[in-house]
Protein backbone atom coordinates (compact mmCIF):
# COMPACT_ATOMS: atom_id res chain seq x y z
CA UNK A 1 -5.40 18.30 15.63
CA UNK A 2 -2.83 15.31 15.69
CA UNK A 3 0.25 14.73 18.51
CA UNK A 4 3.45 15.82 18.02
CA UNK A 5 5.84 13.87 17.31
CA UNK A 6 4.58 11.44 15.20
CA UNK A 7 4.83 7.18 16.05
CA UNK A 8 8.24 5.60 15.11
CA UNK A 9 7.88 4.69 11.41
CA UNK A 10 5.05 7.25 10.48
CA UNK A 11 6.34 10.26 8.41
CA UNK A 12 4.63 13.69 7.49
CA UNK A 13 4.22 12.35 3.62
CA UNK A 14 2.92 9.22 5.06
CA UNK A 15 -0.28 11.21 7.07
CA UNK A 16 -0.70 13.48 3.99
CA UNK A 17 -1.00 10.42 1.52
CA UNK A 18 -1.30 6.98 2.90
CA UNK A 19 -1.30 5.72 -0.29
CA UNK A 20 2.58 6.43 -0.99
CA UNK A 21 2.94 3.17 0.77
CA UNK A 22 1.70 1.40 -2.21
CA UNK A 23 3.47 3.54 -5.04
CA UNK A 24 6.22 3.25 -3.37
CA UNK A 25 6.52 -1.05 -3.35
CA UNK A 26 5.09 -0.48 -7.23
CA UNK A 27 8.04 1.47 -7.86
CA UNK A 28 10.45 -1.31 -7.76
CA UNK A 29 8.09 -3.86 -9.69
CA UNK A 30 7.37 -4.64 -12.95
CA UNK A 31 3.77 -4.73 -13.19
CA UNK A 32 2.18 -6.59 -16.25
CA UNK A 33 -1.26 -5.78 -15.87
CA UNK A 34 -3.74 -4.57 -13.60
CA UNK A 35 -7.33 -4.81 -13.14
CA UNK A 36 -8.66 -1.94 -10.92
CA UNK A 37 -11.87 -2.09 -9.49
CA UNK A 38 -13.78 0.99 -7.24
CA UNK A 39 -16.34 0.68 -4.31
CA UNK A 40 -18.18 3.43 -3.28
CA UNK A 41 -21.30 3.61 -0.61
CA UNK A 42 -22.92 6.63 0.86
CA UNK A 43 -25.26 6.94 3.69
CA UNK A 44 -27.20 3.60 5.90
CA UNK A 45 -30.60 5.09 3.94
CA UNK A 46 -29.42 5.46 0.46
CA UNK A 47 -28.66 1.33 0.45
CA UNK A 48 -24.91 1.03 0.93
CA UNK A 49 -23.01 0.25 4.03
CA UNK A 50 -23.93 -1.56 7.19
CA UNK A 51 -21.89 -1.03 10.64
CA UNK A 52 -20.45 -4.12 12.48
CA UNK A 53 -21.77 -5.17 15.63
CA UNK A 54 -19.35 -3.36 17.64
CA UNK A 55 -19.61 0.25 15.63
CA UNK A 56 -23.20 0.26 16.20
CA UNK A 57 -23.47 1.64 20.22
CA UNK A 58 -20.44 3.27 19.81
CA UNK A 59 -20.42 4.74 15.66
CA UNK A 60 -21.88 5.14 13.10
CA UNK A 61 -20.15 4.16 9.50
CA UNK A 62 -20.68 6.18 6.54
CA UNK A 63 -18.97 6.92 3.32
CA UNK A 64 -17.26 4.42 1.91
CA UNK A 65 -14.72 4.63 -0.84
CA UNK A 66 -12.56 1.94 -1.76
CA UNK A 67 -10.00 0.97 -4.60
CA UNK A 68 -8.86 -2.53 -5.63
CA UNK A 69 -5.80 -2.79 -7.58
CA UNK A 70 -5.33 -6.93 -8.77
CA UNK A 71 -2.11 -7.05 -10.42
CA UNK A 72 -0.07 -9.11 -12.37
CA UNK A 73 4.05 -8.41 -11.06
CA UNK A 74 6.81 -9.99 -13.10
CA UNK A 75 8.76 -11.35 -10.64
CA UNK A 76 13.03 -11.06 -11.05
CA UNK A 77 13.61 -13.89 -11.46
CA UNK A 78 11.33 -15.31 -14.07
CA UNK A 79 7.69 -15.80 -13.76
CA UNK A 80 4.99 -14.00 -12.15
CA UNK A 81 3.17 -13.62 -9.68
CA UNK A 82 -0.48 -12.20 -8.05
CA UNK A 83 -0.89 -9.30 -5.89
CA UNK A 84 -3.49 -7.45 -4.40
CA UNK A 85 -3.15 -3.06 -3.73
CA UNK A 86 -6.05 -1.93 -1.69
CA UNK A 87 -7.12 1.50 0.09
CA UNK A 88 -10.18 2.44 1.52
CA UNK A 89 -11.44 5.45 3.37
CA UNK A 90 -14.54 5.83 5.58
CA UNK A 91 -16.28 8.07 7.69
CA UNK A 92 -17.18 7.14 11.37
CA UNK A 93 -19.46 9.62 13.21
CA UNK A 94 -18.97 9.48 16.89
CA UNK A 95 -21.29 11.67 18.61
CA UNK A 96 -21.79 13.82 15.78
CA UNK A 97 -17.57 14.14 15.83
CA UNK A 98 -16.25 12.16 12.11
CA UNK A 99 -13.42 10.61 12.15
CA UNK A 100 -11.81 9.44 8.93
CA UNK A 101 -10.39 5.76 8.97
CA UNK A 102 -8.15 4.72 6.41
CA UNK A 103 -6.61 1.00 5.16
CA UNK A 104 -4.14 0.37 3.24
CA UNK A 105 -2.60 -2.97 2.46
CA UNK A 106 -0.51 -5.16 -0.27
CA UNK A 107 -1.11 -8.52 -0.31
CA UNK A 108 0.54 -11.05 -2.10
CA UNK A 109 -0.40 -14.56 -3.42
CA UNK A 110 1.98 -17.21 -2.29
CA UNK A 111 1.87 -21.24 -2.63
CA UNK A 112 0.75 -21.23 -6.09
């Protein structure tokens, strides 16, 4: 159960699908090329995910799924630039309770 109302800037649409932040940005861009990388890991014992030191005594990290999109974007005034869009979902376990942790970001390469 979540608190109501949602914090400022957070809409129900964003709660339902955090990736709308990325797709909304792409809607206004001319994408020339995209390379997509998918990463997935299961339980620690199955050869994947390691906890950061803070998590160790407080929670366990399990089931990471991430998608990275390296995109070449045509600049409206000529030329191109690179950006990285990513989304990652991680399940954190706190004393038997599973908590989804979602991160999305849009990073633009500047200074080239």
